[in-house]
């Protein structure tokens, strides 16, 4: 997956987690694990209940970032569980690049 797609995927995963009522610290840890899985070592994570701001340094030395607003959270424990399971799967398995968007959509639409 290219740099832009990884950044989009991780930012939207974090947004869905927070919008579902997940703990900010837990989401931050998950974001770090996902970025490390994709080979990014220099990352910046800034999460609040109202926003996601992520930055990565690519292998060619450029910086990319994403800023997403988060709607008011509605606690949905099942959705959090599915999104968590997705992050664990990504960290532990090889997944075809074309599957990521569908997997995120499926996990978020519980």
PDB file of N, CA and C in Angstrom:
ATOM      1  N   UNK A   1       0.859  -1.173   0.000  1.00  0.00           N
ATOM      2  CA  UNK A   1       0.000   0.000   0.000  1.00  0.00           C
ATOM      3  C   UNK A   1       0.902   1.233   0.000  1.00  0.00           C
ATOM      4  N   UNK A   2       0.543   2.251  -0.772  1.00  0.00           N
ATOM      5  CA  UNK A   2       1.391   3.430  -0.828  1.00  0.00           C
ATOM      6  C   UNK A   2       1.207   4.315   0.421  1.00  0.00           C
ATOM      7  N   UNK A   3       2.089   5.277   0.581  1.00  0.00           N
ATOM      8  CA  UNK A   3       2.105   6.135   1.772  1.00  0.00           C
ATOM      9  C   UNK A   3       0.761   6.822   2.020  1.00  0.00           C
ATOM     10  N   UNK A   4       0.187   7.385   0.975  1.00  0.00           N
ATOM     11  CA  UNK A   4      -1.089   8.107   1.111  1.00  0.00           C
ATOM     12  C   UNK A   4      -2.204   7.169   1.572  1.00  0.00           C
ATOM     13  N   UNK A   5      -2.251   5.977   0.993  1.00  0.00           N
ATOM     14  CA  UNK A   5      -3.295   5.022   1.365  1.00  0.00           C
ATOM     15  C   UNK A   5      -3.139   4.540   2.806  1.00  0.00           C
ATOM     16  N   UNK A   6      -1.910   4.301   3.233  1.00  0.00           N
ATOM     17  CA  UNK A   6      -1.672   3.894   4.612  1.00  0.00           C
ATOM     18  C   UNK A   6      -2.129   4.994   5.561  1.00  0.00           C
ATOM     19  N   UNK A   7      -1.739   6.223   5.273  1.00  0.00           N
ATOM     20  CA  UNK A   7      -2.117   7.342   6.119  1.00  0.00           C
ATOM     21  C   UNK A   7      -3.636   7.514   6.174  1.00  0.00           C
ATOM     22  N   UNK A   8      -4.295   7.409   5.026  1.00  0.00           N
ATOM     23  CA  UNK A   8      -5.760   7.501   4.991  1.00  0.00           C
ATOM     24  C   UNK A   8      -6.400   6.386   5.816  1.00  0.00           C
ATOM     25  N   UNK A   9      -5.920   5.169   5.601  1.00  0.00           N
ATOM     26  CA  UNK A   9      -6.500   4.026   6.302  1.00  0.00           C
ATOM     27  C   UNK A   9      -6.363   4.186   7.818  1.00  0.00           C
ATOM     28  N   UNK A  10      -5.168   4.489   8.289  1.00  0.00           N
ATOM     29  CA  UNK A  10      -4.931   4.591   9.731  1.00  0.00           C
ATOM     30  C   UNK A  10      -5.720   5.756  10.328  1.00  0.00           C
ATOM     31  N   UNK A  11      -5.772   6.882   9.637  1.00  0.00           N
ATOM     32  CA  UNK A  11      -6.533   8.036  10.131  1.00  0.00           C
ATOM     33  C   UNK A  11      -8.017   7.705  10.239  1.00  0.00           C
ATOM     34  N   UNK A  12      -8.563   7.032   9.236  1.00  0.00           N
ATOM     35  CA  UNK A  12      -9.983   6.681   9.293  1.00  0.00           C
ATOM     36  C   UNK A  12     -10.258   5.601  10.344  1.00  0.00           C
ATOM     37  N   UNK A  13      -9.332   4.687  10.521  1.00  0.00           N
ATOM     38  CA  UNK A  13      -9.486   3.698  11.589  1.00  0.00           C
ATOM     39  C   UNK A  13      -9.561   4.402  12.942  1.00  0.00           C
ATOM     40  N   UNK A  14      -8.646   5.338  13.174  1.00  0.00           N
ATOM     41  CA  UNK A  14      -8.631   6.084  14.440  1.00  0.00           C
ATOM     42  C   UNK A  14      -9.918   6.882  14.610  1.00  0.00           C
ATOM     43  N   UNK A  15     -10.362   7.518  13.551  1.00  0.00           N
ATOM     44  CA  UNK A  15     -11.603   8.305  13.612  1.00  0.00           C
ATOM     45  C   UNK A  15     -12.784   7.420  13.996  1.00  0.00           C
ATOM     46  N   UNK A  16     -12.894   6.269  13.360  1.00  0.00           N
ATOM     47  CA  UNK A  16     -14.000   5.351  13.665  1.00  0.00           C
ATOM     48  C   UNK A  16     -13.934   4.857  15.112  1.00  0.00           C
ATOM     49  N   UNK A  17     -12.731   4.566  15.575  1.00  0.00           N
ATOM     50  CA  UNK A  17     -12.575   4.110  16.959  1.00  0.00           C
ATOM     51  C   UNK A  17     -13.040   5.180  17.945  1.00  0.00           C
ATOM     52  N   UNK A  18     -12.558   6.400  17.766  1.00  0.00           N
ATOM     53  CA  UNK A  18     -12.904   7.482  18.695  1.00  0.00           C
ATOM     54  C   UNK A  18     -14.390   7.817  18.599  1.00  0.00           C
ATOM     55  N   UNK A  19     -14.926   7.848  17.391  1.00  0.00           N
ATOM     56  CA  UNK A  19     -16.348   8.139  17.210  1.00  0.00           C
ATOM     57  C   UNK A  19     -17.229   7.071  17.845  1.00  0.00           C
ATOM     58  N   UNK A  20     -16.665   5.885  18.056  1.00  0.00           N
ATOM     59  CA  UNK A  20     -17.411   4.794  18.690  1.00  0.00           C
ATOM     60  C   UNK A  20     -17.253   4.785  20.205  1.00  0.00           C
ATOM     61  N   UNK A  21     -16.452   5.716  20.719  1.00  0.00           N
ATOM     62  CA  UNK A  21     -16.291   5.822  22.168  1.00  0.00           C
ATOM     63  C   UNK A  21     -15.049   5.160  22.726  1.00  0.00           C
ATOM     64  N   UNK A  22     -14.115   4.787  21.881  1.00  0.00           N
ATOM     65  CA  UNK A  22     -12.894   4.120  22.357  1.00  0.00           C
ATOM     66  C   UNK A  22     -12.017   5.091  23.150  1.00  0.00           C
ATOM     67  N   UNK A  23     -11.250   4.532  24.051  1.00  0.00           N
ATOM     68  CA  UNK A  23     -10.308   5.294  24.863  1.00  0.00           C
ATOM     69  C   UNK A  23      -9.205   5.858  23.985  1.00  0.00           C
ATOM     70  N   UNK A  24      -8.912   7.151  24.141  1.00  0.00           N
ATOM     71  CA  UNK A  24      -7.921   7.834  23.308  1.00  0.00           C
ATOM     72  C   UNK A  24      -6.547   7.166  23.409  1.00  0.00           C
ATOM     73  N   UNK A  25      -6.148   6.787  24.613  1.00  0.00           N
ATOM     74  CA  UNK A  25      -4.842   6.139  24.788  1.00  0.00           C
ATOM     75  C   UNK A  25      -4.782   4.826  24.019  1.00  0.00           C
ATOM     76  N   UNK A  26      -5.845   4.060  24.064  1.00  0.00           N
ATOM     77  CA  UNK A  26      -5.902   2.781  23.342  1.00  0.00           C
ATOM     78  C   UNK A  26      -5.817   3.011  21.836  1.00  0.00           C
ATOM     79  N   UNK A  27      -6.511   4.031  21.359  1.00  0.00           N
ATOM     80  CA  UNK A  27      -6.479   4.341  19.930  1.00  0.00           C
ATOM     81  C   UNK A  27      -5.067   4.761  19.522  1.00  0.00           C
ATOM     82  N   UNK A  28      -4.416   5.555  20.338  1.00  0.00           N
ATOM     83  CA  UNK A  28      -3.053   5.998  20.049  1.00  0.00           C
ATOM     84  C   UNK A  28      -2.103   4.811  19.942  1.00  0.00           C
ATOM     85  N   UNK A  29      -2.228   3.862  20.837  1.00  0.00           N
ATOM     86  CA  UNK A  29      -1.400   2.652  20.790  1.00  0.00           C
ATOM     87  C   UNK A  29      -1.686   1.864  19.517  1.00  0.00           C
ATOM     88  N   UNK A  30      -2.955   1.743  19.177  1.00  0.00           N
ATOM     89  CA  UNK A  30      -3.328   1.034  17.951  1.00  0.00           C
ATOM     90  C   UNK A  30      -2.777   1.705  16.706  1.00  0.00           C
ATOM     91  N   UNK A  31      -2.843   3.030  16.662  1.00  0.00           N
ATOM     92  CA  UNK A  31      -2.299   3.778  15.527  1.00  0.00           C
ATOM     93  C   UNK A  31      -0.791   3.507  15.394  1.00  0.00           C
ATOM     94  N   UNK A  32      -0.077   3.558  16.503  1.00  0.00           N
ATOM     95  CA  UNK A  32       1.364   3.297  16.477  1.00  0.00           C
ATOM     96  C   UNK A  32       1.656   1.892  15.960  1.00  0.00           C
ATOM     97  N   UNK A  33       0.901   0.904  16.429  1.00  0.00           N
ATOM     98  CA  UNK A  33       1.104  -0.474  15.972  1.00  0.00           C
ATOM     99  C   UNK A  33       0.842  -0.595  14.474  1.00  0.00           C
ATOM    100  N   UNK A  34      -0.221   0.049  13.995  1.00  0.00           N
ATOM    101  CA  UNK A  34      -0.531  -0.025  12.571  1.00  0.00           C
ATOM    102  C   UNK A  34       0.571   0.630  11.739  1.00  0.00           C
ATOM    103  N   UNK A  35       1.016   1.813  12.136  1.00  0.00           N
ATOM    104  CA  UNK A  35       2.093   2.469  11.384  1.00  0.00           C
ATOM    105  C   UNK A  35       3.371   1.635  11.394  1.00  0.00           C
ATOM    106  N   UNK A  36       3.711   1.064  12.529  1.00  0.00           N
ATOM    107  CA  UNK A  36       4.921   0.231  12.598  1.00  0.00           C
ATOM    108  C   UNK A  36       4.784  -0.995  11.705  1.00  0.00           C
ATOM    109  N   UNK A  37       3.592  -1.547  11.634  1.00  0.00           N
ATOM    110  CA  UNK A  37       3.346  -2.712  10.770  1.00  0.00           C
ATOM    111  C   UNK A  37       3.667  -2.385   9.312  1.00  0.00           C
ATOM    112  N   UNK A  38       3.353  -1.148   8.911  1.00  0.00           N
ATOM    113  CA  UNK A  38       3.604  -0.724   7.540  1.00  0.00           C
ATOM    114  C   UNK A  38       5.008  -0.151   7.345  1.00  0.00           C
ATOM    115  N   UNK A  39       5.838  -0.213   8.382  1.00  0.00           N
ATOM    116  CA  UNK A  39       7.232   0.167   8.250  1.00  0.00           C
ATOM    117  C   UNK A  39       7.576   1.606   8.590  1.00  0.00           C
ATOM    118  N   UNK A  40       6.652   2.353   9.148  1.00  0.00           N
ATOM    119  CA  UNK A  40       6.929   3.743   9.500  1.00  0.00           C
ATOM    120  C   UNK A  40       7.443   3.822  10.927  1.00  0.00           C
ATOM    121  N   UNK A  41       8.584   4.472  11.082  1.00  0.00           N
ATOM    122  CA  UNK A  41       9.196   4.603  12.408  1.00  0.00           C
ATOM    123  C   UNK A  41       9.016   6.009  12.973  1.00  0.00           C
ATOM    124  N   UNK A  42       9.077   7.004  12.100  1.00  0.00           N
ATOM    125  CA  UNK A  42       8.923   8.390  12.549  1.00  0.00           C
ATOM    126  C   UNK A  42       7.484   8.818  12.310  1.00  0.00           C
ATOM    127  N   UNK A  43       6.729   8.858  13.399  1.00  0.00           N
ATOM    128  CA  UNK A  43       5.305   9.184  13.322  1.00  0.00           C
ATOM    129  C   UNK A  43       4.959  10.204  14.395  1.00  0.00           C
ATOM    130  N   UNK A  44       3.890  10.920  14.159  1.00  0.00           N
ATOM    131  CA  UNK A  44       3.360  11.854  15.147  1.00  0.00           C
ATOM    132  C   UNK A  44       1.864  11.584  15.256  1.00  0.00           C
ATOM    133  N   UNK A  45       1.390  11.450  16.486  1.00  0.00           N
ATOM    134  CA  UNK A  45      -0.003  11.124  16.737  1.00  0.00           C
ATOM    135  C   UNK A  45      -0.575  12.164  17.691  1.00  0.00           C
ATOM    136  N   UNK A  46      -1.639  12.826  17.265  1.00  0.00           N
ATOM    137  CA  UNK A  46      -2.329  13.794  18.112  1.00  0.00           C
ATOM    138  C   UNK A  46      -3.820  13.485  18.023  1.00  0.00           C
ATOM    139  N   UNK A  47      -4.353  12.941  19.102  1.00  0.00           N
ATOM    140  CA  UNK A  47      -5.747  12.526  19.121  1.00  0.00           C
ATOM    141  C   UNK A  47      -6.509  13.229  20.236  1.00  0.00           C
ATOM    142  N   UNK A  48      -7.687  13.678  19.914  1.00  0.00           N
ATOM    143  CA  UNK A  48      -8.642  14.201  20.893  1.00  0.00           C
ATOM    144  C   UNK A  48      -9.994  13.597  20.562  1.00  0.00           C
ATOM    145  N   UNK A  49     -10.966  13.837  21.397  1.00  0.00           N
ATOM    146  CA  UNK A  49     -12.304  13.319  21.095  1.00  0.00           C
ATOM    147  C   UNK A  49     -12.933  14.043  19.917  1.00  0.00           C
ATOM    148  N   UNK A  50     -12.332  15.147  19.470  1.00  0.00           N
ATOM    149  CA  UNK A  50     -12.880  15.938  18.363  1.00  0.00           C
ATOM    150  C   UNK A  50     -12.031  15.904  17.097  1.00  0.00           C
ATOM    151  N   UNK A  51     -10.815  15.340  17.162  1.00  0.00           N
ATOM    152  CA  UNK A  51      -9.944  15.373  15.988  1.00  0.00           C
ATOM    153  C   UNK A  51      -8.906  14.267  16.002  1.00  0.00           C
ATOM    154  N   UNK A  52      -8.455  13.953  14.801  1.00  0.00           N
ATOM    155  CA  UNK A  52      -7.334  13.038  14.567  1.00  0.00           C
ATOM    156  C   UNK A  52      -6.328  13.806  13.731  1.00  0.00           C
ATOM    157  N   UNK A  53      -5.092  13.890  14.209  1.00  0.00           N
ATOM    158  CA  UNK A  53      -4.009  14.485  13.434  1.00  0.00           C
ATOM    159  C   UNK A  53      -2.831  13.519  13.464  1.00  0.00           C
ATOM    160  N   UNK A  54      -2.462  13.039  12.284  1.00  0.00           N
ATOM    161  CA  UNK A  54      -1.389  12.061  12.163  1.00  0.00           C
ATOM    162  C   UNK A  54      -0.370  12.544  11.144  1.00  0.00           C
ATOM    163  N   UNK A  55       0.890  12.226  11.392  1.00  0.00           N
ATOM    164  CA  UNK A  55       1.964  12.589  10.464  1.00  0.00           C
ATOM    165  C   UNK A  55       2.957  11.432  10.410  1.00  0.00           C
ATOM    166  N   UNK A  56       3.480  11.187   9.205  1.00  0.00           N
ATOM    167  CA  UNK A  56       4.497  10.153   9.019  1.00  0.00           C
ATOM    168  C   UNK A  56       5.641  10.716   8.184  1.00  0.00           C
ATOM    169  N   UNK A  57       6.815  10.153   8.397  1.00  0.00           N
ATOM    170  CA  UNK A  57       7.959  10.460   7.537  1.00  0.00           C
ATOM    171  C   UNK A  57       8.145   9.248   6.637  1.00  0.00           C
ATOM    172  N   UNK A  58       8.114   9.486   5.335  1.00  0.00           N
ATOM    173  CA  UNK A  58       8.231   8.398   4.375  1.00  0.00           C
ATOM    174  C   UNK A  58       9.696   8.010   4.199  1.00  0.00           C
ATOM    175  N   UNK A  59       9.927   6.925   3.483  1.00  0.00           N
ATOM    176  CA  UNK A  59      11.293   6.447   3.273  1.00  0.00           C
ATOM    177  C   UNK A  59      12.132   7.424   2.463  1.00  0.00           C
ATOM    178  N   UNK A  60      11.476   8.258   1.652  1.00  0.00           N
ATOM    179  CA  UNK A  60      12.245   9.248   0.884  1.00  0.00           C
ATOM    180  C   UNK A  60      12.440  10.555   1.652  1.00  0.00           C
ATOM    181  N   UNK A  61      11.997  10.595   2.908  1.00  0.00           N
ATOM    182  CA  UNK A  61      12.249  11.746   3.764  1.00  0.00           C
ATOM    183  C   UNK A  61      11.183  12.819   3.748  1.00  0.00           C
ATOM    184  N   UNK A  62      10.113  12.614   3.005  1.00  0.00           N
ATOM    185  CA  UNK A  62       9.041  13.606   2.996  1.00  0.00           C
ATOM    186  C   UNK A  62       8.059  13.329   4.143  1.00  0.00           C
ATOM    187  N   UNK A  63       7.355  14.360   4.541  1.00  0.00           N
ATOM    188  CA  UNK A  63       6.363  14.236   5.605  1.00  0.00           C
ATOM    189  C   UNK A  63       4.968  14.340   5.005  1.00  0.00           C
ATOM    190  N   UNK A  64       4.099  13.482   5.467  1.00  0.00           N
ATOM    191  CA  UNK A  64       2.696  13.505   5.060  1.00  0.00           C
ATOM    192  C   UNK A  64       1.853  13.565   6.308  1.00  0.00           C
ATOM    193  N   UNK A  65       0.698  14.226   6.227  1.00  0.00           N
ATOM    194  CA  UNK A  65      -0.172  14.278   7.398  1.00  0.00           C
ATOM    195  C   UNK A  65      -1.637  14.206   7.006  1.00  0.00           C
ATOM    196  N   UNK A  66      -2.443  13.882   7.989  1.00  0.00           N
ATOM    197  CA  UNK A  66      -3.899  13.845   7.847  1.00  0.00           C
ATOM    198  C   UNK A  66      -4.512  14.497   9.069  1.00  0.00           C
ATOM    199  N   UNK A  67      -5.575  15.262   8.803  1.00  0.00           N
ATOM    200  CA  UNK A  67      -6.339  15.919   9.858  1.00  0.00           C
ATOM    201  C   UNK A  67      -7.805  15.607   9.604  1.00  0.00           C
ATOM    202  N   UNK A  68      -8.438  14.944  10.554  1.00  0.00           N
ATOM    203  CA  UNK A  68      -9.848  14.593  10.414  1.00  0.00           C
ATOM    204  C   UNK A  68     -10.623  15.080  11.635  1.00  0.00           C
ATOM    205  N   UNK A  69     -11.785  15.669  11.374  1.00  0.00           N
ATOM    206  CA  UNK A  69     -12.694  16.032  12.462  1.00  0.00           C
ATOM    207  C   UNK A  69     -13.512  14.799  12.826  1.00  0.00           C
ATOM    208  N   UNK A  70     -13.873  14.701  14.098  1.00  0.00           N
ATOM    209  CA  UNK A  70     -14.637  13.557  14.577  1.00  0.00           C
ATOM    210  C   UNK A  70     -16.003  14.040  15.043  1.00  0.00           C
ATOM    211  N   UNK A  71     -17.065  13.410  14.560  1.00  0.00           N
ATOM    212  CA  UNK A  71     -18.394  13.784  15.048  1.00  0.00           C
ATOM    213  C   UNK A  71     -18.558  13.369  16.511  1.00  0.00           C
ATOM    214  N   UNK A  72     -19.582  13.869  17.140  1.00  0.00           N
ATOM    215  CA  UNK A  72     -19.843  13.502  18.536  1.00  0.00           C
ATOM    216  C   UNK A  72     -19.884  11.983  18.671  1.00  0.00           C
ATOM    217  N   UNK A  73     -19.210  11.494  19.700  1.00  0.00           N
ATOM    218  CA  UNK A  73     -19.098  10.040  19.894  1.00  0.00           C
ATOM    219  C   UNK A  73     -20.424   9.433  20.335  1.00  0.00           C
ATOM    220  N   UNK A  74     -20.688   8.278  19.798  1.00  0.00           N
ATOM    221  CA  UNK A  74     -21.798   7.428  20.246  1.00  0.00           C
ATOM    222  C   UNK A  74     -21.165   6.104  20.624  1.00  0.00           C
ATOM    223  N   UNK A  75     -21.265   5.765  21.864  1.00  0.00           N
ATOM    224  CA  UNK A  75     -20.609   4.544  22.329  1.00  0.00           C
ATOM    225  C   UNK A  75     -21.229   3.333  21.654  1.00  0.00           C
ATOM    226  N   UNK A  76     -20.382   2.550  21.028  1.00  0.00           N
ATOM    227  CA  UNK A  76     -20.790   1.351  20.331  1.00  0.00           C
ATOM    228  C   UNK A  76     -19.705   0.300  20.570  1.00  0.00           C
ATOM    229  N   UNK A  77     -19.883  -0.473  21.627  1.00  0.00           N
ATOM    230  CA  UNK A  77     -18.857  -1.438  22.023  1.00  0.00           C
ATOM    231  C   UNK A  77     -18.620  -2.517  20.973  1.00  0.00           C
ATOM    232  N   UNK A  78     -19.662  -2.923  20.281  1.00  0.00           N
ATOM    233  CA  UNK A  78     -19.501  -3.927  19.231  1.00  0.00           C
ATOM    234  C   UNK A  78     -18.635  -3.389  18.098  1.00  0.00           C
ATOM    235  N   UNK A  79     -18.852  -2.153  17.729  1.00  0.00           N
ATOM    236  CA  UNK A  79     -18.055  -1.525  16.675  1.00  0.00           C
ATOM    237  C   UNK A  79     -16.585  -1.422  17.104  1.00  0.00           C
ATOM    238  N   UNK A  80     -16.354  -1.026  18.340  1.00  0.00           N
ATOM    239  CA  UNK A  80     -14.986  -0.950  18.864  1.00  0.00           C
ATOM    240  C   UNK A  80     -14.327  -2.324  18.820  1.00  0.00           C
ATOM    241  N   UNK A  81     -15.056  -3.335  19.222  1.00  0.00           N
ATOM    242  CA  UNK A  81     -14.518  -4.703  19.210  1.00  0.00           C
ATOM    243  C   UNK A  81     -14.129  -5.119  17.795  1.00  0.00           C
ATOM    244  N   UNK A  82     -14.975  -4.807  16.819  1.00  0.00           N
ATOM    245  CA  UNK A  82     -14.694  -5.186  15.436  1.00  0.00           C
ATOM    246  C   UNK A  82     -13.490  -4.416  14.884  1.00  0.00           C
ATOM    247  N   UNK A  83     -13.406  -3.137  15.194  1.00  0.00           N
ATOM    248  CA  UNK A  83     -12.274  -2.333  14.741  1.00  0.00           C
ATOM    249  C   UNK A  83     -10.974  -2.793  15.406  1.00  0.00           C
ATOM    250  N   UNK A  84     -11.045  -3.148  16.692  1.00  0.00           N
ATOM    251  CA  UNK A  84      -9.871  -3.698  17.385  1.00  0.00           C
ATOM    252  C   UNK A  84      -9.418  -4.993  16.725  1.00  0.00           C
ATOM    253  N   UNK A  85     -10.369  -5.850  16.450  1.00  0.00           N
ATOM    254  CA  UNK A  85     -10.046  -7.127  15.817  1.00  0.00           C
ATOM    255  C   UNK A  85      -9.378  -6.898  14.455  1.00  0.00           C
ATOM    256  N   UNK A  86      -9.873  -5.905  13.730  1.00  0.00           N
ATOM    257  CA  UNK A  86      -9.268  -5.578  12.444  1.00  0.00           C
ATOM    258  C   UNK A  86      -7.821  -5.124  12.616  1.00  0.00           C
ATOM    259  N   UNK A  87      -7.555  -4.273  13.597  1.00  0.00           N
ATOM    260  CA  UNK A  87      -6.177  -3.804  13.792  1.00  0.00           C
ATOM    261  C   UNK A  87      -5.255  -4.964  14.166  1.00  0.00           C
ATOM    262  N   UNK A  88      -5.723  -5.870  15.015  1.00  0.00           N
ATOM    263  CA  UNK A  88      -4.902  -7.029  15.377  1.00  0.00           C
ATOM    264  C   UNK A  88      -4.636  -7.901  14.150  1.00  0.00           C
ATOM    265  N   UNK A  89      -5.646  -8.056  13.305  1.00  0.00           N
ATOM    266  CA  UNK A  89      -5.480  -8.870  12.100  1.00  0.00           C
ATOM    267  C   UNK A  89      -4.434  -8.245  11.174  1.00  0.00           C
ATOM    268  N   UNK A  90      -4.501  -6.941  10.995  1.00  0.00           N
ATOM    269  CA  UNK A  90      -3.557  -6.265  10.113  1.00  0.00           C
ATOM    270  C   UNK A  90      -2.132  -6.390  10.631  1.00  0.00           C
ATOM    271  N   UNK A  91      -1.957  -6.236  11.931  1.00  0.00           N
ATOM    272  CA  UNK A  91      -0.626  -6.310  12.522  1.00  0.00           C
ATOM    273  C   UNK A  91      -0.047  -7.721  12.416  1.00  0.00           C
ATOM    274  N   UNK A  92      -0.904  -8.728  12.457  1.00  0.00           N
ATOM    275  CA  UNK A  92      -0.423 -10.104  12.525  1.00  0.00           C
ATOM    276  C   UNK A  92      -0.515 -10.914  11.236  1.00  0.00           C
ATOM    277  N   UNK A  93      -1.187 -10.391  10.216  1.00  0.00           N
ATOM    278  CA  UNK A  93      -1.368 -11.148   8.981  1.00  0.00           C
ATOM    279  C   UNK A  93      -0.956 -10.319   7.776  1.00  0.00           C
ATOM    280  N   UNK A  94      -0.638 -11.000   6.685  1.00  0.00           N
ATOM    281  CA  UNK A  94      -0.418 -10.327   5.409  1.00  0.00           C
ATOM    282  C   UNK A  94      -1.762 -10.236   4.706  1.00  0.00           C
ATOM    283  N   UNK A  95      -2.142  -9.010   4.362  1.00  0.00           N
ATOM    284  CA  UNK A  95      -3.423  -8.763   3.718  1.00  0.00           C
ATOM    285  C   UNK A  95      -3.156  -8.076   2.385  1.00  0.00           C
ATOM    286  N   UNK A  96      -3.886  -8.464   1.373  1.00  0.00           N
ATOM    287  CA  UNK A  96      -3.758  -7.837   0.060  1.00  0.00           C
ATOM    288  C   UNK A  96      -4.164  -6.364   0.160  1.00  0.00           C
ATOM    289  N   UNK A  97      -3.380  -5.497  -0.478  1.00  0.00           N
ATOM    290  CA  UNK A  97      -3.617  -4.054  -0.406  1.00  0.00           C
ATOM    291  C   UNK A  97      -5.025  -3.655  -0.821  1.00  0.00           C
ATOM    292  N   UNK A  98      -5.612  -4.369  -1.724  1.00  0.00           N
ATOM    293  CA  UNK A  98      -6.946  -4.027  -2.223  1.00  0.00           C
ATOM    294  C   UNK A  98      -8.044  -4.291  -1.202  1.00  0.00           C
ATOM    295  N   UNK A  99      -7.755  -5.055  -0.173  1.00  0.00           N
ATOM    296  CA  UNK A  99      -8.772  -5.432   0.809  1.00  0.00           C
ATOM    297  C   UNK A  99      -8.981  -4.414   1.923  1.00  0.00           C
ATOM    298  N   UNK A 100      -8.004  -3.540   2.156  1.00  0.00           N
ATOM    299  CA  UNK A 100      -8.048  -2.681   3.342  1.00  0.00           C
ATOM    300  C   UNK A 100      -9.301  -1.827   3.447  1.00  0.00           C
ATOM    301  N   UNK A 101      -9.667  -1.145   2.377  1.00  0.00           N
ATOM    302  CA  UNK A 101     -10.825  -0.247   2.433  1.00  0.00           C
ATOM    303  C   UNK A 101     -12.094  -1.028   2.776  1.00  0.00           C
ATOM    304  N   UNK A 102     -12.271  -2.179   2.154  1.00  0.00           N
ATOM    305  CA  UNK A 102     -13.447  -2.997   2.427  1.00  0.00           C
ATOM    306  C   UNK A 102     -13.468  -3.527   3.851  1.00  0.00           C
ATOM    307  N   UNK A 103     -12.306  -3.886   4.367  1.00  0.00           N
ATOM    308  CA  UNK A 103     -12.230  -4.396   5.733  1.00  0.00           C
ATOM    309  C   UNK A 103     -12.590  -3.309   6.744  1.00  0.00           C
ATOM    310  N   UNK A 104     -12.114  -2.089   6.509  1.00  0.00           N
ATOM    311  CA  UNK A 104     -12.438  -0.979   7.410  1.00  0.00           C
ATOM    312  C   UNK A 104     -13.925  -0.665   7.358  1.00  0.00           C
ATOM    313  N   UNK A 105     -14.471  -0.620   6.165  1.00  0.00           N
ATOM    314  CA  UNK A 105     -15.909  -0.341   6.023  1.00  0.00           C
ATOM    315  C   UNK A 105     -16.749  -1.402   6.705  1.00  0.00           C
ATOM    316  N   UNK A 106     -16.372  -2.653   6.531  1.00  0.00           N
ATOM    317  CA  UNK A 106     -17.099  -3.762   7.148  1.00  0.00           C
ATOM    318  C   UNK A 106     -17.046  -3.680   8.676  1.00  0.00           C
ATOM    319  N   UNK A 107     -15.872  -3.399   9.219  1.00  0.00           N
ATOM    320  CA  UNK A 107     -15.721  -3.316  10.679  1.00  0.00           C
ATOM    321  C   UNK A 107     -16.477  -2.118  11.242  1.00  0.00           C
ATOM    322  N   UNK A 108     -16.492  -1.010  10.525  1.00  0.00           N
ATOM    323  CA  UNK A 108     -17.133   0.202  11.020  1.00  0.00           C
ATOM    324  C   UNK A 108     -18.659   0.144  10.925  1.00  0.00           C
ATOM    325  N   UNK A 109     -19.163  -0.661  10.030  1.00  0.00           N
ATOM    326  CA  UNK A 109     -20.616  -0.736   9.835  1.00  0.00           C
ATOM    327  C   UNK A 109     -21.226  -1.908  10.577  1.00  0.00           C
ATOM    328  N   UNK A 110     -21.116  -1.880  11.879  1.00  0.00           N
ATOM    329  CA  UNK A 110     -21.680  -2.967  12.674  1.00  0.00           C
ATOM    330  C   UNK A 110     -23.077  -2.605  13.118  1.00  0.00           C
TER     331      UNK A 110
END
